[in-house]
Amino acid sequence: MRILVTGGAGFIGSHVADRFVELGHEVAVLDDLSTGFREFVNPRARFYEMDLRDAAALERCFAEFGPEVVDHHAAQIDVRRSVTDPIHDAGINILGALGLLMACTRHGVRKFVYASTGGALYGEGRSLPATEEHPVNPESPYGVSKHTLEHYLYLWKLLHGLDYTVLRYPNVYGPRQNPHGEAGVNAIFIGLMLRGERPRIFGTGEQVRDYLYVGDVVEANALALSRGSGEMVNLGTGVGTSVNDIFRELKAILGFAAAPIYEAPRAGEVQRIYLDAARAKQVLGWAPSTGFVAGLKQTVEWSRANPLPER
C-alpha cells in the first residue's frame, strides 16, 4: 500500500518509515527538518520537505503521491515550549493536523494511524498502571493538543468514514533520538555522559515514567495498518522507571564516575505515570519485547557510533 509518514525524518517516524519500506510498502516521508534529519529519510522513500501547515504544499504532496494510509508523527513535542508558547503548540498539533485530516478526506485516504501520548495525556497517575479508562487530565498544553486530535479522529470517522487507530505512546527511547533536544532523558543523559559531562536532574529524580524501546513502537505501527479499527490503545511496559534509575543504569553501562546535578523541578511535568497496554495486546496482538537495560545498551552503542550535531 502507499503510506505517507509525517515526521518521517524524525526519531520515531524514521524508524516507522524504514519498517514500512522493509515490509514492501510504497512510502513517502513528509518532514520540515526542523527537528528531523535528512540522513534518517529512507533512500527508498519519496521525500517531501515541507511544513505540515503549508496548505498548498500539502495538497501537492497528496495529489502526487496519493496515499492510502497516513501515519502521523509530525508534531511539536517539547512540553516546556508548549507551556511557554501554547499557540505555537496548537498551531502544529491541532491546526496542522486538521489540515492533514482535510487532505485525507479530499484524496480518499482510508486509514489514519496517529502517534498520540499516554505519558502527557492522563496527567498524574491516579491508578497505575493507567488504562485507557484513566481520567484525561493533561498538565501541559502539549497533552491537551495531542488529545484534541483524538476527538477529531472520532468525528472524522463518523462524518467522513476515515478509519483510524490511535497509539498512545509512553516515553519512547532508542537510536536516532536527539541528545540535544528538550525531550528524551535517555538520549540527553547518554549524550552528556559520553562527553564526560554531568547530567542535570530536575526535582528529586524520583519522578516515574514508562520507557518503551523504539523498535517496539515500530511494530505497533506496523500492526495498526490492518488492525485496531476505531481504537485508542496505550503502548507501554506497565512498569515505572525513575530518572534516578536511568542515571544508575547508564552509569553502570558507561562506567561514568561523576554524580548528577540536581536542580529545581520544571512546570508542566507529570511526576508519576506508566501505562497498561493490555488493550493493545487484545486489539493489535502487540506486546513489548525489548527490556529496558537491553534497550539502553543498544541506544548507547548507536550513540557512540553516530553522534548527532547540535542545532
Protein backbone atom coordinates (compact mmCIF):
# COMPACT_ATOMS: atom_id res chain seq x y z
CA MET A 1 0.00 0.00 0.00
CA ARG A 2 1.01 3.64 -0.30
CA ILE A 3 1.77 5.13 3.13
CA LEU A 4 2.59 8.74 3.95
CA VAL A 5 4.64 9.07 7.15
CA THR A 6 4.58 12.60 8.53
CA GLY A 7 7.58 13.37 10.69
CA GLY A 8 9.38 10.55 8.89
CA ALA A 9 12.80 12.21 9.22
CA GLY A 10 12.47 12.30 13.00
CA PHE A 11 13.43 9.87 15.73
CA ILE A 12 10.36 7.59 15.80
CA GLY A 13 8.90 8.38 12.39
CA SER A 14 12.09 7.43 10.53
CA HIS A 15 12.15 4.01 12.17
CA VAL A 16 8.48 3.53 11.28
CA ALA A 17 9.11 4.54 7.65
CA ASP A 18 12.04 2.11 7.47
CA ARG A 19 9.83 -0.73 8.69
CA PHE A 20 7.10 0.07 6.16
CA VAL A 21 9.68 0.05 3.34
CA GLU A 22 11.03 -3.26 4.65
CA LEU A 23 7.51 -4.70 4.53
CA GLY A 24 7.29 -3.82 0.84
CA HIS A 25 5.02 -0.78 1.02
CA GLU A 26 5.43 2.34 -1.11
CA VAL A 27 6.40 5.05 1.37
CA ALA A 28 6.58 8.83 1.29
CA VAL A 29 8.02 10.97 4.08
CA LEU A 30 6.75 14.45 4.91
CA ASP A 31 9.05 16.47 7.20
CA ASP A 32 10.24 20.07 7.51
CA LEU A 33 13.59 19.00 9.06
CA SER A 34 13.10 21.41 11.96
CA THR A 35 13.97 18.59 14.33
CA GLY A 36 14.44 15.66 11.96
CA PHE A 37 17.50 14.78 9.90
CA ARG A 38 17.69 14.26 6.14
CA GLU A 39 20.07 11.36 6.79
CA PHE A 40 17.25 9.49 8.56
CA VAL A 41 14.98 9.52 5.49
CA ASN A 42 14.89 6.06 3.95
CA PRO A 43 16.53 6.24 0.49
CA ARG A 44 13.71 4.12 -0.95
CA ALA A 45 11.03 6.58 0.22
CA ARG A 46 9.86 9.70 -1.56
CA PHE A 47 10.70 12.80 0.44
CA TYR A 48 8.55 15.92 0.70
CA GLU A 49 10.45 18.59 2.61
CA MET A 50 7.65 20.88 3.75
CA ASP A 51 5.82 22.35 6.69
CA LEU A 52 2.67 20.47 7.63
CA ARG A 53 0.86 23.83 7.86
CA ASP A 54 1.64 24.76 4.24
CA ALA A 55 -1.75 24.02 2.64
CA ALA A 56 -0.56 24.34 -0.96
CA ALA A 57 2.45 22.07 -0.44
CA LEU A 58 0.30 19.56 1.42
CA GLU A 59 -2.18 19.46 -1.45
CA ARG A 60 0.64 18.86 -3.95
CA CYS A 61 2.00 16.03 -1.80
CA PHE A 62 -1.36 14.25 -1.59
CA ALA A 63 -2.19 14.81 -5.26
CA GLU A 64 1.17 13.46 -6.41
CA PHE A 65 1.64 10.54 -4.02
CA GLY A 66 -1.99 9.51 -3.43
CA PRO A 67 -1.58 7.85 -0.02
CA GLU A 68 -3.95 5.12 1.11
CA VAL A 69 -2.76 5.38 4.71
CA VAL A 70 -1.34 8.29 6.70
CA ASP A 71 0.89 7.54 9.70
CA HIS A 72 1.07 10.82 11.59
CA HIS A 73 4.16 11.51 13.71
CA ALA A 74 4.88 15.15 12.84
CA ALA A 75 4.33 17.24 15.97
CA GLN A 76 5.56 19.86 18.38
CA ILE A 77 6.76 17.56 21.19
CA ASP A 78 8.51 19.90 23.62
CA VAL A 79 6.42 20.02 26.81
CA ARG A 80 8.24 23.09 28.15
CA ARG A 81 7.78 25.02 24.92
CA SER A 82 4.08 24.16 24.95
CA VAL A 83 3.85 25.80 28.38
CA THR A 84 5.62 28.98 27.28
CA ASP A 85 4.10 29.14 23.77
CA PRO A 86 0.80 27.22 23.65
CA ILE A 87 -0.26 28.98 20.44
CA HIS A 88 2.73 27.56 18.58
CA ASP A 89 2.00 24.13 20.03
CA ALA A 90 -1.66 24.22 18.97
CA GLY A 91 -0.78 25.61 15.55
CA ILE A 92 1.13 22.45 14.71
CA ASN A 93 -0.55 19.75 16.79
CA ILE A 94 -4.15 20.84 16.21
CA LEU A 95 -4.40 23.15 13.20
CA GLY A 96 -1.65 21.44 11.22
CA ALA A 97 -3.21 18.05 11.94
CA LEU A 98 -6.65 19.32 10.93
CA GLY A 99 -5.26 20.38 7.56
CA LEU A 100 -3.91 16.85 7.23
CA LEU A 101 -7.32 15.34 8.01
CA MET A 102 -8.98 17.57 5.44
CA ALA A 103 -6.45 16.46 2.83
CA CYS A 104 -7.23 12.85 3.76
CA THR A 105 -10.91 13.49 3.07
CA ARG A 106 -10.28 15.17 -0.27
CA HIS A 107 -7.99 12.41 -1.51
CA GLY A 108 -9.77 9.30 -0.27
CA VAL A 109 -7.30 8.13 2.37
CA ARG A 110 -8.77 5.04 4.05
CA LYS A 111 -6.85 4.91 7.33
CA PHE A 112 -5.05 7.26 9.72
CA VAL A 113 -2.56 5.94 12.32
CA TYR A 114 -1.95 8.56 14.98
CA ALA A 115 1.01 8.81 17.34
CA SER A 116 -0.67 10.24 20.43
CA THR A 117 0.61 10.43 24.01
CA GLY A 118 -0.21 8.49 27.13
CA GLY A 119 2.64 9.98 29.12
CA ALA A 120 1.28 13.55 28.89
CA LEU A 121 -2.43 12.91 28.30
CA TYR A 122 -3.51 11.35 31.60
CA GLY A 123 -1.76 13.78 33.91
CA GLU A 124 -0.77 12.48 37.32
CA GLY A 125 -1.43 8.76 37.59
CA ARG A 126 -4.40 8.16 39.90
CA SER A 127 -4.42 4.39 39.41
CA LEU A 128 -1.33 2.77 37.95
CA PRO A 129 -0.58 1.37 35.51
CA ALA A 130 -3.07 3.64 33.73
CA THR A 131 -5.58 2.04 31.38
CA GLU A 132 -7.37 3.85 28.56
CA GLU A 133 -10.22 4.50 31.01
CA HIS A 134 -8.00 6.59 33.26
CA PRO A 135 -9.25 10.20 33.58
CA VAL A 136 -7.72 12.50 30.99
CA ASN A 137 -6.25 15.49 32.84
CA PRO A 138 -3.25 16.85 30.89
CA GLU A 139 -0.88 19.10 32.82
CA SER A 140 0.60 20.81 29.77
CA PRO A 141 -0.72 22.35 26.55
CA TYR A 142 1.14 19.60 24.70
CA GLY A 143 -1.02 16.95 26.37
CA VAL A 144 -4.14 18.96 25.52
CA SER A 145 -3.22 19.44 21.87
CA LYS A 146 -2.33 15.79 21.31
CA HIS A 147 -5.57 14.64 22.93
CA THR A 148 -7.65 17.09 20.90
CA LEU A 149 -6.88 15.31 17.65
CA GLU A 150 -8.22 12.06 19.09
CA HIS A 151 -11.65 13.71 19.27
CA TYR A 152 -11.32 14.95 15.69
CA LEU A 153 -10.42 11.43 14.52
CA TYR A 154 -13.56 10.01 16.13
CA LEU A 155 -15.57 12.76 14.42
CA TRP A 156 -13.85 12.26 11.04
CA LYS A 157 -14.72 8.57 11.09
CA LEU A 158 -18.32 9.46 11.93
CA LEU A 159 -18.67 12.19 9.30
CA HIS A 160 -16.29 11.08 6.53
CA GLY A 161 -15.64 7.37 7.07
CA LEU A 162 -11.90 7.79 7.72
CA ASP A 163 -10.76 4.79 9.74
CA TYR A 164 -8.11 5.31 12.41
CA THR A 165 -6.02 3.76 15.15
CA VAL A 166 -4.67 5.91 17.96
CA LEU A 167 -1.46 4.72 19.62
CA ARG A 168 -0.88 6.43 22.96
CA TYR A 169 2.87 6.42 23.44
CA PRO A 170 4.74 6.43 26.72
CA ASN A 171 8.31 7.84 26.82
CA VAL A 172 10.00 6.33 23.77
CA TYR A 173 13.78 5.93 23.58
CA GLY A 174 16.33 4.36 21.28
CA PRO A 175 18.74 5.04 18.40
CA ARG A 176 18.32 8.35 16.50
CA GLN A 177 16.84 10.23 19.48
CA ASN A 178 18.43 13.68 19.59
CA PRO A 179 20.60 14.20 22.70
CA HIS A 180 20.48 17.97 22.19
CA GLY A 181 16.68 18.24 22.33
CA GLU A 182 14.36 19.07 25.21
CA ALA A 183 12.62 15.68 25.13
CA GLY A 184 14.16 12.28 25.78
CA VAL A 185 16.00 11.99 29.06
CA ASN A 186 17.78 8.80 27.98
CA ALA A 187 19.32 10.41 24.88
CA ILE A 188 20.19 13.60 26.75
CA PHE A 189 21.91 11.70 29.55
CA ILE A 190 23.78 9.45 27.10
CA GLY A 191 25.00 12.45 25.08
CA LEU A 192 26.27 14.26 28.16
CA MET A 193 27.86 11.21 29.78
CA LEU A 194 29.67 10.22 26.57
CA ARG A 195 31.23 13.71 26.64
CA GLY A 196 32.13 13.32 30.31
CA GLU A 197 29.57 15.90 31.44
CA ARG A 198 27.27 15.56 34.46
CA PRO A 199 23.54 15.28 33.63
CA ARG A 200 21.05 17.60 35.27
CA ILE A 201 18.10 16.06 37.09
CA PHE A 202 15.13 18.34 37.71
CA GLY A 203 13.43 17.74 41.06
CA THR A 204 14.26 14.73 43.20
CA GLY A 205 14.77 12.33 40.30
CA GLU A 206 12.08 10.06 41.68
CA GLN A 207 9.53 11.08 39.04
CA VAL A 208 8.43 7.91 37.27
CA ARG A 209 7.68 7.24 33.59
CA ASP A 210 7.11 4.28 31.29
CA TYR A 211 10.07 3.89 28.90
CA LEU A 212 9.47 1.92 25.71
CA TYR A 213 12.11 0.97 23.14
CA VAL A 214 11.54 2.44 19.69
CA GLY A 215 11.62 -0.96 17.97
CA ASP A 216 8.54 -2.00 19.93
CA VAL A 217 6.75 1.20 18.89
CA VAL A 218 7.57 0.44 15.26
CA GLU A 219 5.91 -2.96 15.48
CA ALA A 220 2.74 -1.41 16.91
CA ASN A 221 2.57 0.94 13.92
CA ALA A 222 3.03 -1.97 11.52
CA LEU A 223 0.22 -3.93 13.20
CA ALA A 224 -2.06 -0.87 13.15
CA LEU A 225 -2.02 -0.84 9.35
CA SER A 226 -4.53 -3.70 9.34
CA ARG A 227 -5.82 -3.87 12.93
CA GLY A 228 -7.35 -1.67 15.60
CA SER A 229 -10.14 -0.05 13.59
CA GLY A 230 -11.52 2.94 15.51
CA GLU A 231 -9.46 2.06 18.60
CA MET A 232 -7.36 4.10 21.02
CA VAL A 233 -4.73 1.96 22.76
CA ASN A 234 -1.91 2.52 25.19
CA LEU A 235 1.57 1.32 24.38
CA GLY A 236 3.90 0.69 27.28
CA THR A 237 5.60 -1.75 29.58
CA GLY A 238 3.36 -1.29 32.62
CA VAL A 239 6.49 -0.56 34.65
CA GLY A 240 7.52 2.78 36.14
CA THR A 241 11.19 3.79 35.92
CA SER A 242 12.56 6.84 37.72
CA VAL A 243 15.08 9.35 36.39
CA ASN A 244 17.43 8.23 39.14
CA ASP A 245 17.03 4.63 37.89
CA ILE A 246 18.01 5.74 34.38
CA PHE A 247 21.10 7.51 35.66
CA ARG A 248 22.16 4.48 37.68
CA GLU A 249 21.77 2.11 34.72
CA LEU A 250 23.67 4.40 32.35
CA LYS A 251 26.36 4.99 34.95
CA ALA A 252 26.94 1.22 35.06
CA ILE A 253 26.80 0.75 31.27
CA LEU A 254 29.16 3.66 30.54
CA GLY A 255 31.41 3.40 33.59
CA PHE A 256 30.59 7.02 34.41
CA ALA A 257 32.14 8.19 37.68
CA ALA A 258 30.52 11.54 38.47
CA ALA A 259 27.22 12.30 40.22
CA PRO A 260 24.29 14.11 38.57
CA ILE A 261 23.40 17.75 39.24
CA TYR A 262 20.02 18.22 40.90
CA GLU A 263 18.01 21.35 40.03
CA ALA A 264 14.52 22.72 40.74
CA PRO A 265 11.57 20.88 39.12
CA ARG A 266 10.05 22.29 35.92
CA ALA A 267 6.46 23.30 35.26
CA GLY A 268 4.15 21.05 33.26
CA GLU A 269 5.88 17.78 34.07
CA VAL A 270 3.92 14.84 35.43
CA GLN A 271 5.51 13.09 38.41
CA ARG A 272 4.12 9.55 38.10
CA ILE A 273 2.65 7.81 35.07
CA TYR A 274 3.06 4.41 33.45
CA LEU A 275 0.68 2.59 31.14
CA ASP A 276 -1.31 -0.62 30.98
CA ALA A 277 -1.08 -1.97 27.41
CA ALA A 278 -3.46 -4.93 27.81
CA ARG A 279 -5.85 -3.48 25.22
CA ALA A 280 -3.03 -3.20 22.66
CA LYS A 281 -2.36 -6.91 23.10
CA GLN A 282 -6.05 -7.72 22.66
CA VAL A 283 -6.70 -5.37 19.73
CA LEU A 284 -3.39 -5.38 17.87
CA GLY A 285 -1.71 -8.54 19.12
CA TRP A 286 1.11 -6.30 20.39
CA ALA A 287 3.37 -6.59 23.41
CA PRO A 288 6.79 -5.07 24.16
CA SER A 289 9.78 -7.35 23.57
CA THR A 290 12.85 -5.27 24.48
CA GLY A 291 13.85 -4.95 28.12
CA PHE A 292 14.91 -1.56 29.46
CA VAL A 293 18.57 -2.34 30.08
CA ALA A 294 18.92 -4.13 26.73
CA GLY A 295 17.34 -1.12 25.01
CA LEU A 296 19.68 1.29 26.79
CA LYS A 297 22.71 -0.73 25.72
CA GLN A 298 21.57 -0.67 22.08
CA THR A 299 20.98 3.08 22.32
CA VAL A 300 24.41 3.70 23.84
CA GLU A 301 26.08 1.60 21.13
CA TRP A 302 24.32 3.56 18.37
CA SER A 303 25.05 6.92 20.04
CA ARG A 304 28.76 6.16 20.29
CA ALA A 305 28.94 5.46 16.56
CA ASN A 306 26.54 8.19 15.36
CA PRO A 307 26.95 11.48 17.27
CA LEU A 308 24.24 13.91 16.17
CA PRO A 309 25.14 17.58 15.57
CA GLU A 310 23.77 20.27 17.87
CA ARG A 311 21.40 22.74 16.24
